[in-house]
Amino acid sequence: MNKFDPNITQELVRKLSSGDQRAFKTLYDYYGRKLYYLGRKYQLSEDESSEIVQDVFFKVWQKRKELNPAYSFNSYLITIAKNLIFNGIRKSAYKRAYLSDLDSSDFSHNDTEKSVIYLDLEKIASEAIEQLPPKRKNIFKLSRESGMSNQEIAESLNISKSTVENQMNKCLKFLKHYLRHTAEIIYKGNQ
């Protein structure tokens, strides 16, 4: 795979930031393959790797007006891809750990009950997120659902990185308290 001349890449990024779809397609065609192989390197399936490419370039298109041609486009793409990959791995690990805990409980042979409990917990978590103040909820969703780093969130919202970290800490503390409190209520109700 031939390496793009940095000047050509900068020009394509400049055009992309103005909404040029041909520049987007050229960058996608070149860098998409690199991102696909990055996903495969992290043991993602072919479909998962293709999805990472789509997600990365969806984010690039969304943020095209904020792109700075002077910065390394390759590094920018790899950072987004790795964040998405690691968030996916983390979510899979949480899900496996959760399902493993369910398997070791008294109702481990009842898949329907496991599914219902998982959906209930997911619903409770969604309800908790909806109770967050709007700005904090936005920061949380950008971090957990969009896979953005604290620095990326800070830049996109025009706030400091420490503000993002502070808001995330408050958010996680609230969610932990909310989930613990709700679990206690459910547990007491089932006794």
C-alpha atoms as a PDB file:
ATOM      1  CA  MET A   1       0.000   0.000   0.000  1.00  0.00           C
ATOM      2  CA  ASN A   2       1.600   3.252  -1.077  1.00  0.00           C
ATOM      3  CA  LYS A   3       1.907   5.954   1.507  1.00  0.00           C
ATOM      4  CA  PHE A   4       0.056   9.193   0.868  1.00  0.00           C
ATOM      5  CA  ASP A   5       2.208  12.268   0.515  1.00  0.00           C
ATOM      6  CA  PRO A   6       1.542  14.333   3.677  1.00  0.00           C
ATOM      7  CA  ASN A   7       0.830  17.393   1.527  1.00  0.00           C
ATOM      8  CA  ILE A   8      -1.821  15.480  -0.412  1.00  0.00           C
ATOM      9  CA  THR A   9      -3.372  14.249   2.830  1.00  0.00           C
ATOM     10  CA  GLN A  10      -3.432  17.790   4.225  1.00  0.00           C
ATOM     11  CA  GLU A  11      -5.109  19.068   1.072  1.00  0.00           C
ATOM     12  CA  LEU A  12      -7.700  16.271   1.174  1.00  0.00           C
ATOM     13  CA  VAL A  13      -8.418  16.981   4.852  1.00  0.00           C
ATOM     14  CA  ARG A  14      -8.786  20.681   4.060  1.00  0.00           C
ATOM     15  CA  LYS A  15     -11.263  19.836   1.295  1.00  0.00           C
ATOM     16  CA  LEU A  16     -13.061  17.364   3.556  1.00  0.00           C
ATOM     17  CA  SER A  17     -13.475  20.033   6.238  1.00  0.00           C
ATOM     18  CA  SER A  18     -15.319  22.070   3.597  1.00  0.00           C
ATOM     19  CA  GLY A  19     -17.638  19.139   2.890  1.00  0.00           C
ATOM     20  CA  ASP A  20     -15.960  17.757  -0.243  1.00  0.00           C
ATOM     21  CA  GLN A  21     -17.366  14.238  -0.654  1.00  0.00           C
ATOM     22  CA  ARG A  22     -14.731  13.174  -3.189  1.00  0.00           C
ATOM     23  CA  ALA A  23     -11.988  14.021  -0.697  1.00  0.00           C
ATOM     24  CA  PHE A  24     -13.891  12.004   1.925  1.00  0.00           C
ATOM     25  CA  LYS A  25     -14.125   9.009  -0.435  1.00  0.00           C
ATOM     26  CA  THR A  26     -10.425   9.214  -1.327  1.00  0.00           C
ATOM     27  CA  LEU A  27      -9.439   9.291   2.350  1.00  0.00           C
ATOM     28  CA  TYR A  28     -11.925   6.510   3.126  1.00  0.00           C
ATOM     29  CA  ASP A  29     -10.566   4.303   0.333  1.00  0.00           C
ATOM     30  CA  TYR A  30      -6.990   4.727   1.498  1.00  0.00           C
ATOM     31  CA  TYR A  31      -7.297   4.779   5.282  1.00  0.00           C
ATOM     32  CA  GLY A  32     -10.288   2.430   5.504  1.00  0.00           C
ATOM     33  CA  ARG A  33      -8.087  -0.556   4.654  1.00  0.00           C
ATOM     34  CA  LYS A  34      -5.561   0.422   7.314  1.00  0.00           C
ATOM     35  CA  LEU A  35      -8.302   0.704   9.935  1.00  0.00           C
ATOM     36  CA  TYR A  36      -9.807  -2.616   8.855  1.00  0.00           C
ATOM     37  CA  TYR A  37      -6.452  -4.348   9.400  1.00  0.00           C
ATOM     38  CA  LEU A  38      -6.076  -2.599  12.749  1.00  0.00           C
ATOM     39  CA  GLY A  39      -9.377  -4.173  13.821  1.00  0.00           C
ATOM     40  CA  ARG A  40      -8.214  -7.591  12.630  1.00  0.00           C
ATOM     41  CA  LYS A  41      -4.955  -7.088  14.546  1.00  0.00           C
ATOM     42  CA  TYR A  42      -7.066  -6.711  17.708  1.00  0.00           C
ATOM     43  CA  GLN A  43      -8.816 -10.004  16.938  1.00  0.00           C
ATOM     44  CA  LEU A  44     -12.057  -8.466  15.705  1.00  0.00           C
ATOM     45  CA  SER A  45     -14.076 -10.437  13.182  1.00  0.00           C
ATOM     46  CA  GLU A  46     -14.269  -9.266   9.576  1.00  0.00           C
ATOM     47  CA  ASP A  47     -17.719  -7.786  10.242  1.00  0.00           C
ATOM     48  CA  GLU A  48     -16.582  -6.054  13.436  1.00  0.00           C
ATOM     49  CA  SER A  49     -13.527  -4.637  11.663  1.00  0.00           C
ATOM     50  CA  SER A  50     -15.705  -3.329   8.836  1.00  0.00           C
ATOM     51  CA  GLU A  51     -18.048  -1.791  11.399  1.00  0.00           C
ATOM     52  CA  ILE A  52     -15.112  -0.025  13.077  1.00  0.00           C
ATOM     53  CA  VAL A  53     -14.154   1.499   9.707  1.00  0.00           C
ATOM     54  CA  GLN A  54     -17.734   2.690   9.200  1.00  0.00           C
ATOM     55  CA  ASP A  55     -17.954   4.114  12.733  1.00  0.00           C
ATOM     56  CA  VAL A  56     -14.611   5.916  12.459  1.00  0.00           C
ATOM     57  CA  PHE A  57     -15.493   7.566   9.176  1.00  0.00           C
ATOM     58  CA  PHE A  58     -18.973   8.415  10.432  1.00  0.00           C
ATOM     59  CA  LYS A  59     -17.292  10.335  13.267  1.00  0.00           C
ATOM     60  CA  VAL A  60     -14.874  11.941  10.808  1.00  0.00           C
ATOM     61  CA  TRP A  61     -17.765  13.127   8.647  1.00  0.00           C
ATOM     62  CA  GLN A  62     -19.621  14.451  11.701  1.00  0.00           C
ATOM     63  CA  LYS A  63     -16.547  16.391  12.842  1.00  0.00           C
ATOM     64  CA  ARG A  64     -15.257  17.344   9.384  1.00  0.00           C
ATOM     65  CA  LYS A  65     -15.591  21.095  10.066  1.00  0.00           C
ATOM     66  CA  GLU A  66     -13.351  20.770  13.135  1.00  0.00           C
ATOM     67  CA  LEU A  67     -10.528  18.923  11.351  1.00  0.00           C
ATOM     68  CA  ASN A  68      -7.145  20.625  11.314  1.00  0.00           C
ATOM     69  CA  PRO A  69      -5.103  19.687   8.221  1.00  0.00           C
ATOM     70  CA  ALA A  70      -1.891  20.474  10.114  1.00  0.00           C
ATOM     71  CA  TYR A  71      -2.452  17.539  12.497  1.00  0.00           C
ATOM     72  CA  SER A  72      -1.739  13.933  11.555  1.00  0.00           C
ATOM     73  CA  PHE A  73      -4.921  12.547  10.017  1.00  0.00           C
ATOM     74  CA  ASN A  74      -3.573   9.007  10.360  1.00  0.00           C
ATOM     75  CA  SER A  75      -3.033   9.452  14.125  1.00  0.00           C
ATOM     76  CA  TYR A  76      -6.490  10.995  14.465  1.00  0.00           C
ATOM     77  CA  LEU A  77      -8.111   7.994  12.760  1.00  0.00           C
ATOM     78  CA  ILE A  78      -6.129   5.456  14.759  1.00  0.00           C
ATOM     79  CA  THR A  79      -7.051   7.188  18.026  1.00  0.00           C
ATOM     80  CA  ILE A  80     -10.748   7.050  17.167  1.00  0.00           C
ATOM     81  CA  ALA A  81     -10.477   3.417  16.032  1.00  0.00           C
ATOM     82  CA  LYS A  82      -8.620   2.312  19.163  1.00  0.00           C
ATOM     83  CA  ASN A  83     -11.139   4.083  21.399  1.00  0.00           C
ATOM     84  CA  LEU A  84     -13.981   2.298  19.618  1.00  0.00           C
ATOM     85  CA  ILE A  85     -12.178  -1.053  19.727  1.00  0.00           C
ATOM     86  CA  PHE A  86     -11.292  -0.770  23.420  1.00  0.00           C
ATOM     87  CA  ASN A  87     -14.782   0.415  24.344  1.00  0.00           C
ATOM     88  CA  GLY A  88     -16.200  -2.579  22.474  1.00  0.00           C
ATOM     89  CA  ILE A  89     -13.800  -4.949  24.221  1.00  0.00           C
ATOM     90  CA  ARG A  90     -14.664  -3.383  27.586  1.00  0.00           C
ATOM     91  CA  LYS A  91     -18.410  -3.714  26.947  1.00  0.00           C
ATOM     92  CA  SER A  92     -17.956  -7.341  25.909  1.00  0.00           C
ATOM     93  CA  ALA A  93     -15.933  -8.030  29.049  1.00  0.00           C
ATOM     94  CA  TYR A  94     -18.602  -6.411  31.245  1.00  0.00           C
ATOM     95  CA  LYS A  95     -21.296  -8.413  29.518  1.00  0.00           C
ATOM     96  CA  ARG A  96     -19.323 -11.677  29.874  1.00  0.00           C
ATOM     97  CA  ALA A  97     -18.644 -10.946  33.551  1.00  0.00           C
ATOM     98  CA  TYR A  98     -22.296 -10.131  34.122  1.00  0.00           C
ATOM     99  CA  LEU A  99     -23.487 -13.281  32.358  1.00  0.00           C
ATOM    100  CA  SER A 100     -20.878 -15.295  34.257  1.00  0.00           C
ATOM    101  CA  ASP A 101     -22.277 -13.930  37.528  1.00  0.00           C
ATOM    102  CA  LEU A 102     -25.741 -14.908  36.380  1.00  0.00           C
ATOM    103  CA  ASP A 103     -24.518 -18.408  35.514  1.00  0.00           C
ATOM    104  CA  SER A 104     -23.206 -18.884  39.039  1.00  0.00           C
ATOM    105  CA  SER A 105     -26.468 -17.780  40.652  1.00  0.00           C
ATOM    106  CA  ASP A 106     -29.409 -19.991  41.644  1.00  0.00           C
ATOM    107  CA  PHE A 107     -31.308 -19.428  38.423  1.00  0.00           C
ATOM    108  CA  SER A 108     -28.371 -20.164  36.131  1.00  0.00           C
ATOM    109  CA  HIS A 109     -30.334 -22.671  34.060  1.00  0.00           C
ATOM    110  CA  ASN A 110     -33.090 -20.247  33.172  1.00  0.00           C
ATOM    111  CA  ASP A 111     -31.922 -18.280  30.123  1.00  0.00           C
ATOM    112  CA  THR A 112     -35.193 -16.384  29.875  1.00  0.00           C
ATOM    113  CA  GLU A 113     -34.855 -15.112  33.413  1.00  0.00           C
ATOM    114  CA  LYS A 114     -31.250 -14.078  32.728  1.00  0.00           C
ATOM    115  CA  SER A 115     -32.359 -12.147  29.678  1.00  0.00           C
ATOM    116  CA  VAL A 116     -35.155 -10.441  31.598  1.00  0.00           C
ATOM    117  CA  ILE A 117     -32.801  -9.458  34.427  1.00  0.00           C
ATOM    118  CA  TYR A 118     -30.224  -8.158  31.954  1.00  0.00           C
ATOM    119  CA  LEU A 119     -32.875  -6.105  30.154  1.00  0.00           C
ATOM    120  CA  ASP A 120     -34.193  -4.813  33.496  1.00  0.00           C
ATOM    121  CA  LEU A 121     -30.715  -3.712  34.529  1.00  0.00           C
ATOM    122  CA  GLU A 122     -30.160  -2.099  31.152  1.00  0.00           C
ATOM    123  CA  LYS A 123     -33.476  -0.247  31.554  1.00  0.00           C
ATOM    124  CA  ILE A 124     -32.570   0.879  35.080  1.00  0.00           C
ATOM    125  CA  ALA A 125     -29.191   2.132  33.846  1.00  0.00           C
ATOM    126  CA  SER A 126     -30.912   4.037  31.014  1.00  0.00           C
ATOM    127  CA  GLU A 127     -33.347   5.585  33.503  1.00  0.00           C
ATOM    128  CA  ALA A 128     -30.427   6.643  35.683  1.00  0.00           C
ATOM    129  CA  ILE A 129     -28.652   8.239  32.720  1.00  0.00           C
ATOM    130  CA  GLU A 130     -31.812  10.146  31.785  1.00  0.00           C
ATOM    131  CA  GLN A 131     -31.895  11.680  35.290  1.00  0.00           C
ATOM    132  CA  LEU A 132     -28.494  13.294  34.825  1.00  0.00           C
ATOM    133  CA  PRO A 133     -28.374  17.045  34.201  1.00  0.00           C
ATOM    134  CA  PRO A 134     -28.354  17.684  30.417  1.00  0.00           C
ATOM    135  CA  LYS A 135     -24.716  18.782  30.117  1.00  0.00           C
ATOM    136  CA  ARG A 136     -23.468  15.906  32.279  1.00  0.00           C
ATOM    137  CA  LYS A 137     -25.630  13.440  30.344  1.00  0.00           C
ATOM    138  CA  ASN A 138     -24.164  14.733  27.077  1.00  0.00           C
ATOM    139  CA  ILE A 139     -20.608  14.283  28.364  1.00  0.00           C
ATOM    140  CA  PHE A 140     -21.429  10.760  29.572  1.00  0.00           C
ATOM    141  CA  LYS A 141     -22.973   9.756  26.236  1.00  0.00           C
ATOM    142  CA  LEU A 142     -20.063  11.187  24.259  1.00  0.00           C
ATOM    143  CA  SER A 143     -17.696   9.157  26.421  1.00  0.00           C
ATOM    144  CA  ARG A 144     -19.536   5.869  26.751  1.00  0.00           C
ATOM    145  CA  GLU A 145     -21.674   5.680  23.639  1.00  0.00           C
ATOM    146  CA  SER A 146     -19.528   7.567  21.136  1.00  0.00           C
ATOM    147  CA  GLY A 147     -16.217   6.356  22.517  1.00  0.00           C
ATOM    148  CA  MET A 148     -14.646   9.791  22.679  1.00  0.00           C
ATOM    149  CA  SER A 149     -11.703  10.487  24.968  1.00  0.00           C
ATOM    150  CA  ASN A 150     -11.930  13.188  27.631  1.00  0.00           C
ATOM    151  CA  GLN A 151      -9.691  15.400  25.486  1.00  0.00           C
ATOM    152  CA  GLU A 152     -11.920  14.930  22.420  1.00  0.00           C
ATOM    153  CA  ILE A 153     -15.013  15.746  24.478  1.00  0.00           C
ATOM    154  CA  ALA A 154     -13.347  18.854  25.898  1.00  0.00           C
ATOM    155  CA  GLU A 155     -12.416  20.066  22.424  1.00  0.00           C
ATOM    156  CA  SER A 156     -15.830  19.359  20.923  1.00  0.00           C
ATOM    157  CA  LEU A 157     -17.684  21.119  23.774  1.00  0.00           C
ATOM    158  CA  ASN A 158     -15.163  23.951  24.203  1.00  0.00           C
ATOM    159  CA  ILE A 159     -14.518  23.127  27.860  1.00  0.00           C
ATOM    160  CA  SER A 160     -11.410  22.057  29.741  1.00  0.00           C
ATOM    161  CA  LYS A 161     -10.370  18.429  30.044  1.00  0.00           C
ATOM    162  CA  SER A 162     -10.519  18.732  33.850  1.00  0.00           C
ATOM    163  CA  THR A 163     -14.156  19.865  33.587  1.00  0.00           C
ATOM    164  CA  VAL A 164     -14.923  16.750  31.548  1.00  0.00           C
ATOM    165  CA  GLU A 165     -13.132  14.545  34.098  1.00  0.00           C
ATOM    166  CA  ASN A 166     -14.945  16.252  36.983  1.00  0.00           C
ATOM    167  CA  GLN A 167     -18.334  15.831  35.308  1.00  0.00           C
ATOM    168  CA  MET A 168     -17.602  12.163  34.491  1.00  0.00           C
ATOM    169  CA  ASN A 169     -16.618  11.492  38.113  1.00  0.00           C
ATOM    170  CA  LYS A 170     -19.854  13.070  39.354  1.00  0.00           C
ATOM    171  CA  CYS A 171     -21.794  11.154  36.736  1.00  0.00           C
ATOM    172  CA  LEU A 172     -20.281   7.778  37.642  1.00  0.00           C
ATOM    173  CA  LYS A 173     -20.743   8.443  41.352  1.00  0.00           C
ATOM    174  CA  PHE A 174     -24.437   9.230  40.759  1.00  0.00           C
ATOM    175  CA  LEU A 175     -24.951   6.166  38.557  1.00  0.00           C
ATOM    176  CA  LYS A 176     -23.239   3.888  41.083  1.00  0.00           C
ATOM    177  CA  HIS A 177     -25.405   5.255  43.897  1.00  0.00           C
ATOM    178  CA  TYR A 178     -28.579   5.056  41.784  1.00  0.00           C
ATOM    179  CA  LEU A 179     -27.934   1.471  40.701  1.00  0.00           C
ATOM    180  CA  ARG A 180     -26.990   0.344  44.211  1.00  0.00           C
ATOM    181  CA  HIS A 181     -30.100   1.999  45.682  1.00  0.00           C
ATOM    182  CA  THR A 182     -32.376   0.518  43.003  1.00  0.00           C
ATOM    183  CA  ALA A 183     -30.823  -2.942  43.446  1.00  0.00           C
ATOM    184  CA  GLU A 184     -31.467  -2.759  47.211  1.00  0.00           C
ATOM    185  CA  ILE A 185     -35.113  -1.866  46.609  1.00  0.00           C
ATOM    186  CA  ILE A 186     -35.518  -4.737  44.136  1.00  0.00           C
ATOM    187  CA  TYR A 187     -33.735  -7.167  46.464  1.00  0.00           C
ATOM    188  CA  LYS A 188     -35.921  -6.197  49.445  1.00  0.00           C
ATOM    189  CA  GLY A 189     -39.034  -6.502  47.283  1.00  0.00           C
ATOM    190  CA  ASN A 190     -38.093 -10.062  46.281  1.00  0.00           C
ATOM    191  CA  GLN A 191     -37.561 -11.343  49.829  1.00  0.00           C
END
